[in-house]
Amino acid sequence: MEVPDAIFRLANSDGVDISVRIGRGGITKPLVKELSDQLGRRKIVKVKANKGVASEREQRSQIFMELAEVTNSILVFKRGNVAVFWSGK
């Protein structure tokens, strides 16, 4: 599914705060539940991988792609250790 321009612009705006953080435990059931719950309440959610979770770009990309898959969401974009997910609605 292609991301609409309005969603992409919203995801890139400074108006969206980080509301989910990935800790040392990586992708856990509570993290997946929290992200899924937030995506049920709003269109986009900004997620940050804390330092030490994944030091390599490929590791972070893999974590973000896996999160999108398990939450049935769409990864709008990722930059560094921050990613924005869209519910698709």
Protein backbone atom coordinates (compact mmCIF):
# COMPACT_ATOMS: atom_id res chain seq x y z
CA MET A 1 0.00 0.00 0.00
CA GLU A 2 1.33 3.40 -0.93
CA VAL A 3 1.51 6.05 1.77
CA PRO A 4 -0.61 9.13 0.95
CA ASP A 5 1.26 12.45 0.78
CA ALA A 6 -0.79 13.85 3.69
CA ILE A 7 0.32 10.97 5.96
CA PHE A 8 3.94 11.33 4.85
CA ARG A 9 3.88 15.09 5.58
CA LEU A 10 2.28 14.49 8.97
CA ALA A 11 4.89 11.84 9.81
CA ASN A 12 7.69 14.27 8.96
CA SER A 13 6.24 17.16 10.95
CA ASP A 14 7.55 18.20 14.35
CA GLY A 15 4.01 17.95 15.72
CA VAL A 16 4.25 14.19 16.26
CA ASP A 17 5.98 13.19 19.48
CA ILE A 18 7.70 9.90 20.19
CA SER A 19 5.18 7.81 22.11
CA VAL A 20 6.75 4.33 22.04
CA ARG A 21 10.33 3.42 22.91
CA ILE A 22 12.11 0.17 22.16
CA GLY A 23 14.26 -0.78 25.14
CA ARG A 24 17.03 -3.32 25.67
CA GLY A 25 14.53 -6.16 25.49
CA GLY A 26 13.85 -5.37 21.83
CA ILE A 27 10.47 -6.34 20.44
CA THR A 28 8.42 -7.70 23.35
CA LYS A 29 4.74 -8.61 23.65
CA PRO A 30 3.98 -5.50 25.76
CA LEU A 31 5.73 -3.29 23.18
CA VAL A 32 3.75 -4.83 20.31
CA LYS A 33 0.52 -4.44 22.28
CA GLU A 34 1.25 -0.80 23.10
CA LEU A 35 2.07 0.06 19.49
CA SER A 36 -1.02 -1.79 18.24
CA ASP A 37 -3.22 -0.01 20.79
CA GLN A 38 -1.85 3.39 19.83
CA LEU A 39 -2.31 2.66 16.12
CA GLY A 40 -5.93 1.80 16.92
CA ARG A 41 -6.43 5.24 18.45
CA ARG A 42 -4.49 7.41 16.00
CA LYS A 43 -3.27 7.35 12.43
CA ILE A 44 0.47 7.50 13.03
CA VAL A 45 2.81 6.62 15.88
CA LYS A 46 6.45 7.66 16.25
CA VAL A 47 8.77 5.02 17.73
CA LYS A 48 12.34 5.41 18.97
CA ALA A 49 14.86 2.63 19.48
CA ASN A 50 16.88 3.55 22.59
CA LYS A 51 20.66 3.65 22.35
CA GLY A 52 22.19 0.24 22.69
CA VAL A 53 19.20 -1.60 21.20
CA ALA A 54 20.71 -1.78 17.73
CA SER A 55 23.92 -0.02 16.84
CA GLU A 56 23.92 -0.95 13.15
CA ARG A 57 21.58 0.59 10.57
CA GLU A 58 20.58 -2.84 9.23
CA GLN A 59 19.65 -4.04 12.72
CA ARG A 60 17.39 -1.01 13.27
CA SER A 61 15.82 -1.44 9.85
CA GLN A 62 15.12 -5.10 10.62
CA ILE A 63 13.55 -4.21 13.99
CA PHE A 64 11.32 -1.53 12.41
CA MET A 65 10.24 -3.81 9.55
CA GLU A 66 9.46 -6.61 11.99
CA LEU A 67 7.40 -4.22 14.15
CA ALA A 68 5.40 -3.13 11.10
CA GLU A 69 4.73 -6.76 10.23
CA VAL A 70 3.60 -7.89 13.68
CA THR A 71 1.37 -4.84 14.18
CA ASN A 72 -0.09 -4.95 10.64
CA SER A 73 1.01 -1.37 10.12
CA ILE A 74 2.97 0.44 7.45
CA LEU A 75 6.44 1.84 8.04
CA VAL A 76 6.13 5.39 6.70
CA PHE A 77 9.80 6.25 7.15
CA LYS A 78 12.81 5.67 9.34
CA ARG A 79 15.62 8.04 10.14
CA GLY A 80 18.40 7.00 12.48
CA ASN A 81 16.81 5.37 15.50
CA VAL A 82 13.33 6.85 14.92
CA ALA A 83 10.55 5.39 12.77
CA VAL A 84 6.95 6.36 12.07
CA PHE A 85 4.22 3.76 11.64
CA TRP A 86 0.84 4.29 9.97
CA SER A 87 -2.28 2.30 10.76
CA GLY A 88 -3.29 2.28 7.09
CA LYS A 89 -6.62 3.89 7.90
